[in-house]
């Protein structure tokens, strides 16, 4: 399964959850050592990915907060979201030349005051007994735990894209 371009983000996420409920999910214990090593390699790539982008997110967040605090700036509030898009490999059976070929997409608000989540790679998000002696970054955890990605789907990922979305907002002006 992959994202369908005709559906909205939320319709695609709903379709993924429905797919996960109606499809036999590969258990982690059933994976061989080669598959687990490949998954840990991907987890490490995501770990580096988070370490690269967290300082950028934090700097941008601080800049936006400074603008909101400045009474001379028109901006009084903002929404700050990041989007991580996971694309299929070109050799994947579902890959189509004239398609976006999105396997999964994560849209999330960024907050740096919680000490957990994206970029807090010192935290271990491996929250199941079968993950003993493994350290999972947040994005890896999100894919299997929050978005129901099957373990074999991780291997289908060929490219990752990172995007920031910022909506700058001002207050309403009342009309007499």
N, C-alpha and C. Protein backbone atom coordinates (compact mmCIF):
# COMPACT_ATOMS: atom_id res chain seq x y z
N UNK A 1 0.84 -1.18 0.00
CA UNK A 1 0.00 0.00 0.00
C UNK A 1 0.89 1.24 0.00
N UNK A 2 0.40 2.31 -0.61
CA UNK A 2 1.08 3.58 -0.59
C UNK A 2 0.03 4.68 -0.56
N UNK A 3 0.47 5.93 -0.37
CA UNK A 3 -0.45 7.06 -0.37
C UNK A 3 -1.08 7.19 -1.76
N UNK A 4 -2.33 7.56 -1.78
CA UNK A 4 -3.04 7.80 -3.04
C UNK A 4 -3.15 9.31 -3.24
N UNK A 5 -2.70 9.80 -4.37
CA UNK A 5 -2.63 11.24 -4.61
C UNK A 5 -4.00 11.92 -4.59
N UNK A 6 -5.06 11.17 -4.83
CA UNK A 6 -6.40 11.76 -4.85
C UNK A 6 -6.98 11.94 -3.45
N UNK A 7 -6.36 11.33 -2.46
CA UNK A 7 -6.85 11.45 -1.09
C UNK A 7 -6.07 12.52 -0.33
N UNK A 8 -6.72 13.11 0.67
CA UNK A 8 -6.04 14.07 1.54
C UNK A 8 -5.09 13.31 2.46
N UNK A 9 -4.26 14.04 3.17
CA UNK A 9 -3.34 13.43 4.13
C UNK A 9 -4.12 12.57 5.13
N UNK A 10 -5.17 13.14 5.70
CA UNK A 10 -5.92 12.43 6.73
C UNK A 10 -6.68 11.23 6.17
N UNK A 11 -7.15 11.32 4.96
CA UNK A 11 -7.79 10.17 4.32
C UNK A 11 -6.78 9.06 4.07
N UNK A 12 -5.56 9.43 3.70
CA UNK A 12 -4.50 8.43 3.52
C UNK A 12 -4.12 7.77 4.84
N UNK A 13 -4.00 8.55 5.89
CA UNK A 13 -3.67 7.99 7.21
C UNK A 13 -4.78 7.04 7.66
N UNK A 14 -6.02 7.44 7.46
CA UNK A 14 -7.16 6.57 7.80
C UNK A 14 -7.11 5.27 6.99
N UNK A 15 -6.77 5.39 5.71
CA UNK A 15 -6.66 4.19 4.86
C UNK A 15 -5.55 3.28 5.36
N UNK A 16 -4.42 3.85 5.79
CA UNK A 16 -3.32 3.05 6.33
C UNK A 16 -3.76 2.30 7.58
N UNK A 17 -4.45 3.00 8.49
CA UNK A 17 -4.90 2.35 9.72
C UNK A 17 -5.89 1.23 9.40
N UNK A 18 -6.79 1.48 8.48
CA UNK A 18 -7.74 0.45 8.06
C UNK A 18 -7.01 -0.75 7.43
N UNK A 19 -6.02 -0.45 6.61
CA UNK A 19 -5.21 -1.49 5.99
C UNK A 19 -4.51 -2.33 7.07
N UNK A 20 -3.97 -1.66 8.08
CA UNK A 20 -3.26 -2.37 9.15
C UNK A 20 -4.21 -3.28 9.93
N UNK A 21 -5.44 -2.85 10.10
CA UNK A 21 -6.41 -3.67 10.83
C UNK A 21 -6.84 -4.90 10.05
N UNK A 22 -6.78 -4.81 8.73
CA UNK A 22 -7.26 -5.90 7.88
C UNK A 22 -6.15 -6.71 7.22
N UNK A 23 -4.92 -6.46 7.60
CA UNK A 23 -3.79 -7.16 7.01
C UNK A 23 -2.97 -7.81 8.13
N UNK A 24 -2.46 -8.98 7.85
CA UNK A 24 -1.61 -9.64 8.84
C UNK A 24 -0.29 -8.87 8.96
N UNK A 25 -0.01 -8.41 10.14
CA UNK A 25 1.18 -7.61 10.42
C UNK A 25 2.35 -8.52 10.72
N UNK A 26 3.50 -8.22 10.16
CA UNK A 26 4.71 -9.00 10.42
C UNK A 26 5.17 -8.73 11.84
N UNK A 27 5.32 -9.77 12.64
CA UNK A 27 5.81 -9.58 14.00
C UNK A 27 7.32 -9.38 13.96
N UNK A 28 7.81 -8.60 14.89
CA UNK A 28 9.24 -8.32 14.95
C UNK A 28 10.02 -9.61 15.22
N UNK A 29 9.46 -10.44 16.05
CA UNK A 29 10.12 -11.70 16.41
C UNK A 29 10.29 -12.63 15.21
N UNK A 30 9.42 -12.49 14.21
CA UNK A 30 9.50 -13.37 13.04
C UNK A 30 10.56 -12.94 12.03
N UNK A 31 11.14 -11.76 12.21
CA UNK A 31 12.15 -11.27 11.27
C UNK A 31 13.47 -12.00 11.48
N UNK A 32 14.21 -12.21 10.40
CA UNK A 32 15.53 -12.83 10.54
C UNK A 32 16.57 -11.76 10.90
N UNK A 33 17.76 -12.19 11.20
CA UNK A 33 18.80 -11.25 11.66
C UNK A 33 19.20 -10.26 10.57
N UNK A 34 19.15 -10.68 9.30
CA UNK A 34 19.47 -9.76 8.20
C UNK A 34 18.43 -8.64 8.12
N UNK A 35 17.15 -8.98 8.23
CA UNK A 35 16.08 -7.96 8.20
C UNK A 35 16.22 -7.00 9.38
N UNK A 36 16.48 -7.55 10.57
CA UNK A 36 16.64 -6.71 11.76
C UNK A 36 17.83 -5.78 11.61
N UNK A 37 18.92 -6.26 11.04
CA UNK A 37 20.10 -5.42 10.82
C UNK A 37 19.77 -4.30 9.83
N UNK A 38 19.01 -4.61 8.80
CA UNK A 38 18.61 -3.60 7.82
C UNK A 38 17.70 -2.55 8.49
N UNK A 39 16.81 -2.99 9.34
CA UNK A 39 15.94 -2.06 10.06
C UNK A 39 16.75 -1.17 11.01
N UNK A 40 17.72 -1.75 11.70
CA UNK A 40 18.55 -0.96 12.62
C UNK A 40 19.40 0.06 11.85
N UNK A 41 19.82 -0.30 10.66
CA UNK A 41 20.55 0.63 9.81
C UNK A 41 19.65 1.81 9.40
N UNK A 42 18.41 1.50 9.07
CA UNK A 42 17.45 2.55 8.74
C UNK A 42 17.16 3.42 9.96
N UNK A 43 17.01 2.80 11.13
CA UNK A 43 16.81 3.54 12.38
C UNK A 43 17.98 4.50 12.62
N UNK A 44 19.20 4.04 12.37
CA UNK A 44 20.38 4.89 12.55
C UNK A 44 20.36 6.07 11.57
N UNK A 45 19.94 5.82 10.34
CA UNK A 45 19.80 6.91 9.36
C UNK A 45 18.79 7.95 9.85
N UNK A 46 17.66 7.50 10.38
CA UNK A 46 16.66 8.42 10.92
C UNK A 46 17.18 9.16 12.14
N UNK A 47 17.96 8.49 12.95
CA UNK A 47 18.61 9.11 14.11
C UNK A 47 19.47 10.29 13.65
N UNK A 48 20.29 10.08 12.64
CA UNK A 48 21.14 11.14 12.08
C UNK A 48 20.28 12.24 11.45
N UNK A 49 19.21 11.85 10.80
CA UNK A 49 18.26 12.77 10.19
C UNK A 49 17.68 13.71 11.26
N UNK A 50 17.25 13.16 12.39
CA UNK A 50 16.70 13.97 13.48
C UNK A 50 17.77 14.91 14.06
N UNK A 51 18.98 14.39 14.25
CA UNK A 51 20.06 15.23 14.77
C UNK A 51 20.39 16.38 13.83
N UNK A 52 20.24 16.17 12.54
CA UNK A 52 20.51 17.22 11.56
C UNK A 52 19.44 18.32 11.60
N UNK A 53 18.18 17.92 11.69
CA UNK A 53 17.09 18.89 11.54
C UNK A 53 16.59 19.51 12.85
N UNK A 54 16.83 18.89 14.01
CA UNK A 54 16.37 19.48 15.26
C UNK A 54 16.96 20.87 15.49
N UNK A 55 18.25 21.11 15.30
CA UNK A 55 18.78 22.47 15.51
C UNK A 55 18.14 23.50 14.57
N UNK A 56 17.81 23.08 13.36
CA UNK A 56 17.15 23.98 12.41
C UNK A 56 15.75 24.31 12.90
N UNK A 57 15.02 23.29 13.34
CA UNK A 57 13.68 23.51 13.88
C UNK A 57 13.71 24.43 15.10
N UNK A 58 14.64 24.17 16.01
CA UNK A 58 14.74 24.97 17.23
C UNK A 58 15.09 26.43 16.93
N UNK A 59 16.00 26.65 15.99
CA UNK A 59 16.38 28.02 15.63
C UNK A 59 15.21 28.76 15.00
N UNK A 60 14.48 28.09 14.13
CA UNK A 60 13.33 28.71 13.48
C UNK A 60 12.23 28.99 14.50
N UNK A 61 12.01 28.06 15.44
CA UNK A 61 11.01 28.25 16.48
C UNK A 61 11.37 29.46 17.34
N UNK A 62 12.63 29.58 17.71
CA UNK A 62 13.07 30.72 18.53
C UNK A 62 12.86 32.03 17.77
N UNK A 63 13.17 32.03 16.48
CA UNK A 63 12.97 33.22 15.64
C UNK A 63 11.49 33.62 15.61
N UNK A 64 10.62 32.65 15.45
CA UNK A 64 9.19 32.93 15.41
C UNK A 64 8.68 33.44 16.77
N UNK A 65 9.15 32.85 17.85
CA UNK A 65 8.74 33.29 19.19
C UNK A 65 9.22 34.72 19.47
N UNK A 66 10.41 35.07 18.99
CA UNK A 66 10.93 36.43 19.13
C UNK A 66 10.05 37.42 18.38
N UNK A 67 9.62 37.04 17.20
CA UNK A 67 8.74 37.91 16.42
C UNK A 67 7.40 38.13 17.13
N UNK A 68 6.84 37.07 17.71
CA UNK A 68 5.57 37.19 18.41
C UNK A 68 5.71 38.12 19.62
N UNK A 69 6.85 38.06 20.29
CA UNK A 69 7.10 38.89 21.47
C UNK A 69 7.36 40.35 21.12
N UNK A 70 7.67 40.65 19.88
CA UNK A 70 7.97 42.01 19.43
C UNK A 70 6.67 42.74 19.10
N UNK A 71 6.31 43.78 19.87
CA UNK A 71 5.04 44.47 19.61
C UNK A 71 5.01 45.22 18.27
N UNK A 72 6.17 45.48 17.70
CA UNK A 72 6.19 46.19 16.41
C UNK A 72 6.03 45.25 15.22
N UNK A 73 6.10 43.95 15.46
CA UNK A 73 5.94 42.96 14.39
C UNK A 73 4.45 42.65 14.24
N UNK A 74 3.98 42.54 13.02
CA UNK A 74 2.57 42.26 12.77
C UNK A 74 2.15 40.86 13.21
N UNK A 75 3.11 39.93 13.24
CA UNK A 75 2.77 38.54 13.56
C UNK A 75 2.50 38.39 15.06
N UNK A 76 1.36 37.80 15.39
CA UNK A 76 1.01 37.62 16.79
C UNK A 76 0.91 36.15 17.21
N UNK A 77 0.93 35.28 16.23
CA UNK A 77 0.89 33.85 16.53
C UNK A 77 1.36 33.10 15.29
N UNK A 78 1.58 31.79 15.43
CA UNK A 78 2.02 30.99 14.29
C UNK A 78 1.72 29.52 14.53
N UNK A 79 1.64 28.79 13.46
CA UNK A 79 1.63 27.34 13.49
C UNK A 79 2.94 26.89 12.87
N UNK A 80 3.56 25.91 13.48
CA UNK A 80 4.89 25.47 13.06
C UNK A 80 4.86 23.95 12.97
N UNK A 81 4.95 23.46 11.76
CA UNK A 81 4.78 22.03 11.52
C UNK A 81 5.92 21.53 10.63
N UNK A 82 6.32 20.29 10.88
CA UNK A 82 7.27 19.66 9.96
C UNK A 82 6.58 18.47 9.30
N UNK A 83 7.05 18.18 8.09
CA UNK A 83 6.50 17.07 7.32
C UNK A 83 7.68 16.22 6.85
N UNK A 84 7.62 14.93 7.14
CA UNK A 84 8.62 13.99 6.66
C UNK A 84 7.91 13.04 5.70
N UNK A 85 8.40 13.00 4.48
CA UNK A 85 7.80 12.18 3.45
C UNK A 85 8.74 11.04 3.10
N UNK A 86 8.20 9.84 3.07
CA UNK A 86 8.96 8.63 2.76
C UNK A 86 8.50 8.12 1.39
N UNK A 87 9.43 8.06 0.47
CA UNK A 87 9.13 7.67 -0.91
C UNK A 87 9.56 6.23 -1.18
N UNK A 88 8.83 5.58 -2.07
CA UNK A 88 9.17 4.22 -2.47
C UNK A 88 10.47 4.17 -3.26
N UNK A 89 11.13 3.05 -3.18
CA UNK A 89 12.26 2.78 -4.05
C UNK A 89 11.75 2.61 -5.48
N UNK A 90 12.57 2.95 -6.45
CA UNK A 90 12.15 2.83 -7.85
C UNK A 90 11.91 1.38 -8.27
N UNK A 91 12.51 0.42 -7.57
CA UNK A 91 12.30 -0.98 -7.92
C UNK A 91 11.13 -1.62 -7.16
N UNK A 92 10.38 -0.82 -6.41
CA UNK A 92 9.23 -1.34 -5.68
C UNK A 92 8.10 -1.70 -6.66
N UNK A 93 7.41 -2.81 -6.43
CA UNK A 93 6.31 -3.21 -7.33
C UNK A 93 5.21 -2.16 -7.49
N UNK A 94 5.00 -1.33 -6.46
CA UNK A 94 3.96 -0.31 -6.54
C UNK A 94 4.45 1.02 -7.13
N UNK A 95 5.73 1.12 -7.40
CA UNK A 95 6.29 2.36 -7.97
C UNK A 95 5.70 2.61 -9.36
N UNK A 96 5.27 3.84 -9.58
CA UNK A 96 4.74 4.25 -10.89
C UNK A 96 5.46 5.52 -11.32
N UNK A 97 5.89 5.55 -12.57
CA UNK A 97 6.67 6.68 -13.10
C UNK A 97 5.95 8.02 -12.96
N UNK A 98 4.65 8.04 -13.16
CA UNK A 98 3.87 9.28 -13.16
C UNK A 98 3.14 9.51 -11.84
N UNK A 99 3.70 9.05 -10.74
CA UNK A 99 3.05 9.16 -9.43
C UNK A 99 4.05 9.75 -8.43
N UNK A 100 3.53 10.28 -7.33
CA UNK A 100 4.39 10.79 -6.26
C UNK A 100 5.14 9.66 -5.55
N UNK A 101 4.57 8.48 -5.54
CA UNK A 101 5.17 7.30 -4.92
C UNK A 101 5.50 7.48 -3.45
N UNK A 102 4.55 8.09 -2.75
CA UNK A 102 4.70 8.30 -1.31
C UNK A 102 4.24 7.05 -0.57
N UNK A 103 5.12 6.48 0.22
CA UNK A 103 4.75 5.34 1.04
C UNK A 103 4.05 5.81 2.30
N UNK A 104 4.66 6.80 2.97
CA UNK A 104 4.10 7.30 4.23
C UNK A 104 4.53 8.75 4.39
N UNK A 105 3.75 9.49 5.17
CA UNK A 105 4.07 10.88 5.46
C UNK A 105 3.72 11.16 6.91
N UNK A 106 4.62 11.85 7.59
CA UNK A 106 4.39 12.25 8.98
C UNK A 106 4.27 13.77 8.99
N UNK A 107 3.14 14.26 9.49
CA UNK A 107 2.95 15.69 9.72
C UNK A 107 2.84 15.89 11.22
N UNK A 108 3.64 16.79 11.77
CA UNK A 108 3.64 16.97 13.22
C UNK A 108 4.00 18.39 13.59
N UNK A 109 3.39 18.87 14.66
CA UNK A 109 3.76 20.18 15.21
C UNK A 109 5.08 20.03 15.96
N UNK A 110 5.89 21.08 15.94
CA UNK A 110 7.17 21.02 16.63
C UNK A 110 7.12 21.84 17.91
N UNK A 111 7.51 21.20 19.01
CA UNK A 111 7.66 21.87 20.31
C UNK A 111 8.99 21.42 20.87
N UNK A 112 9.79 22.35 21.34
CA UNK A 112 11.10 21.94 21.85
C UNK A 112 11.17 21.98 23.36
N UNK A 113 10.05 22.16 24.03
CA UNK A 113 10.09 22.30 25.48
C UNK A 113 9.69 21.03 26.24
N UNK A 114 9.47 19.95 25.55
CA UNK A 114 8.99 18.74 26.20
C UNK A 114 10.09 17.74 26.53
N UNK A 115 11.21 17.81 25.86
CA UNK A 115 12.29 16.88 26.13
C UNK A 115 12.09 15.50 25.55
N UNK A 116 11.12 15.36 24.68
CA UNK A 116 10.88 14.08 24.00
C UNK A 116 10.36 14.39 22.61
N UNK A 117 10.33 13.37 21.78
CA UNK A 117 9.83 13.54 20.42
C UNK A 117 10.96 13.70 19.42
N UNK A 118 10.63 14.29 18.29
CA UNK A 118 11.57 14.43 17.19
C UNK A 118 12.84 15.14 17.64
N UNK A 119 13.97 14.52 17.36
CA UNK A 119 15.27 15.12 17.64
C UNK A 119 15.84 14.84 19.01
N UNK A 120 15.05 14.34 19.93
CA UNK A 120 15.57 14.01 21.25
C UNK A 120 16.07 12.57 21.20
N UNK A 121 17.19 12.40 20.53
CA UNK A 121 17.68 11.07 20.19
C UNK A 121 18.37 10.36 21.36
N UNK A 122 18.58 11.06 22.47
CA UNK A 122 19.11 10.38 23.65
C UNK A 122 18.03 9.51 24.29
N UNK A 123 16.77 9.87 24.07
CA UNK A 123 15.65 9.07 24.58
C UNK A 123 15.52 7.80 23.74
N UNK A 124 15.18 6.73 24.40
CA UNK A 124 14.96 5.47 23.69
C UNK A 124 13.47 5.21 23.59
N UNK A 125 12.95 5.18 22.38
CA UNK A 125 11.52 4.99 22.15
C UNK A 125 11.17 3.54 21.83
N UNK A 126 12.10 2.63 22.06
CA UNK A 126 11.85 1.20 21.88
C UNK A 126 11.04 0.73 23.08
N UNK A 127 9.73 0.70 22.94
CA UNK A 127 8.85 0.49 24.09
C UNK A 127 8.22 -0.89 24.17
N UNK A 128 8.80 -1.85 23.47
CA UNK A 128 8.26 -3.21 23.53
C UNK A 128 9.35 -4.17 24.00
N UNK A 129 8.93 -5.21 24.66
CA UNK A 129 9.86 -6.20 25.19
C UNK A 129 10.74 -6.83 24.11
N UNK A 130 10.18 -7.01 22.91
CA UNK A 130 10.93 -7.68 21.83
C UNK A 130 12.09 -6.82 21.31
N UNK A 131 12.17 -5.56 21.74
CA UNK A 131 13.24 -4.67 21.27
C UNK A 131 14.41 -4.60 22.25
N UNK A 132 14.57 -5.61 23.07
CA UNK A 132 15.65 -5.56 24.06
C UNK A 132 16.98 -5.26 23.38
N UNK A 133 17.76 -4.43 24.01
CA UNK A 133 19.09 -4.04 23.53
C UNK A 133 19.06 -3.21 22.25
N UNK A 134 17.93 -2.62 21.91
CA UNK A 134 17.85 -1.74 20.75
C UNK A 134 17.51 -0.33 21.23
N UNK A 135 18.00 0.65 20.50
CA UNK A 135 17.70 2.05 20.77
C UNK A 135 17.00 2.62 19.54
N UNK A 136 15.74 3.05 19.71
CA UNK A 136 14.96 3.56 18.60
C UNK A 136 14.81 5.08 18.70
N UNK A 137 15.02 5.76 17.59
CA UNK A 137 14.75 7.20 17.55
C UNK A 137 13.24 7.41 17.40
N UNK A 138 12.80 8.63 17.60
CA UNK A 138 11.36 8.91 17.61
C UNK A 138 10.70 8.67 16.25
N UNK A 139 11.33 9.07 15.17
CA UNK A 139 10.72 8.91 13.85
C UNK A 139 10.53 7.43 13.51
N UNK A 140 11.52 6.63 13.83
CA UNK A 140 11.42 5.18 13.61
C UNK A 140 10.24 4.63 14.41
N UNK A 141 10.16 5.01 15.69
CA UNK A 141 9.07 4.61 16.57
C UNK A 141 7.72 5.04 16.00
N UNK A 142 7.64 6.27 15.52
CA UNK A 142 6.38 6.75 14.95
C UNK A 142 5.91 5.88 13.79
N UNK A 143 6.83 5.51 12.92
CA UNK A 143 6.46 4.75 11.74
C UNK A 143 5.79 3.41 12.09
N UNK A 144 6.37 2.67 13.05
CA UNK A 144 5.77 1.37 13.36
C UNK A 144 4.67 1.47 14.41
N UNK A 145 4.75 2.42 15.33
CA UNK A 145 3.81 2.45 16.43
C UNK A 145 2.63 3.40 16.19
N UNK A 146 2.87 4.55 15.60
CA UNK A 146 1.80 5.53 15.40
C UNK A 146 1.15 5.41 14.02
N UNK A 147 1.91 4.95 13.03
CA UNK A 147 1.43 4.91 11.66
C UNK A 147 1.27 3.50 11.09
N UNK A 148 1.47 2.50 11.93
CA UNK A 148 1.19 1.10 11.56
C UNK A 148 1.98 0.59 10.36
N UNK A 149 3.16 1.11 10.14
CA UNK A 149 3.96 0.61 9.03
C UNK A 149 4.45 -0.80 9.36
N UNK A 150 4.28 -1.72 8.44
CA UNK A 150 4.76 -3.08 8.62
C UNK A 150 6.29 -3.07 8.50
N UNK A 151 6.93 -4.00 9.17
CA UNK A 151 8.41 -4.04 9.14
C UNK A 151 8.94 -4.17 7.72
N UNK A 152 8.27 -4.90 6.89
CA UNK A 152 8.74 -5.06 5.50
C UNK A 152 8.56 -3.78 4.69
N UNK A 153 7.65 -2.90 5.12
CA UNK A 153 7.47 -1.62 4.42
C UNK A 153 8.67 -0.69 4.61
N UNK A 154 9.36 -0.82 5.73
CA UNK A 154 10.55 0.01 5.96
C UNK A 154 11.58 -0.19 4.85
N UNK A 155 11.69 -1.43 4.41
CA UNK A 155 12.68 -1.79 3.39
C UNK A 155 12.29 -1.22 2.02
N UNK A 156 11.05 -0.85 1.87
CA UNK A 156 10.55 -0.29 0.60
C UNK A 156 10.91 1.19 0.44
N UNK A 157 11.37 1.84 1.51
CA UNK A 157 11.66 3.27 1.48
C UNK A 157 12.96 3.53 0.74
N UNK A 158 12.88 4.41 -0.26
CA UNK A 158 14.06 4.72 -1.08
C UNK A 158 14.56 6.14 -0.92
N UNK A 159 13.72 7.05 -0.40
CA UNK A 159 14.13 8.44 -0.22
C UNK A 159 13.27 9.08 0.87
N UNK A 160 13.84 10.08 1.52
CA UNK A 160 13.15 10.80 2.59
C UNK A 160 13.27 12.30 2.32
N UNK A 161 12.17 13.02 2.51
CA UNK A 161 12.15 14.46 2.31
C UNK A 161 11.69 15.13 3.60
N UNK A 162 12.27 16.28 3.91
CA UNK A 162 11.91 17.04 5.11
C UNK A 162 11.43 18.42 4.69
N UNK A 163 10.33 18.85 5.28
CA UNK A 163 9.73 20.13 4.90
C UNK A 163 9.22 20.84 6.16
N UNK A 164 9.39 22.16 6.20
CA UNK A 164 8.81 22.97 7.28
C UNK A 164 7.62 23.72 6.72
N UNK A 165 6.56 23.79 7.53
CA UNK A 165 5.39 24.58 7.16
C UNK A 165 5.14 25.57 8.29
N UNK A 166 5.13 26.84 7.92
CA UNK A 166 4.92 27.90 8.91
C UNK A 166 3.75 28.75 8.45
N UNK A 167 2.76 28.91 9.33
CA UNK A 167 1.65 29.81 9.08
C UNK A 167 1.79 30.97 10.05
N UNK A 168 2.05 32.14 9.52
CA UNK A 168 2.14 33.34 10.35
C UNK A 168 0.74 33.94 10.49
N UNK A 169 0.40 34.35 11.71
CA UNK A 169 -0.97 34.81 11.98
C UNK A 169 -0.98 36.14 12.71
N UNK A 170 -2.01 36.91 12.41
CA UNK A 170 -2.29 38.16 13.13
C UNK A 170 -3.69 38.04 13.75
N UNK A 171 -3.96 38.89 14.73
CA UNK A 171 -5.29 38.86 15.36
C UNK A 171 -6.34 39.44 14.45
N UNK A 172 -7.58 39.14 14.81
CA UNK A 172 -8.71 39.69 14.09
C UNK A 172 -8.80 41.20 14.33
N UNK A 173 -9.28 41.89 13.36
CA UNK A 173 -9.57 43.30 13.51
C UNK A 173 -11.09 43.42 13.56
N UNK A 174 -11.59 44.05 14.62
CA UNK A 174 -13.05 44.17 14.73
C UNK A 174 -13.55 45.28 13.82
N UNK A 175 -14.73 45.06 13.32
CA UNK A 175 -15.36 46.04 12.45
C UNK A 175 -16.59 46.55 13.16
N UNK A 176 -16.69 47.89 13.27
CA UNK A 176 -17.87 48.50 13.95
C UNK A 176 -19.06 48.53 13.03
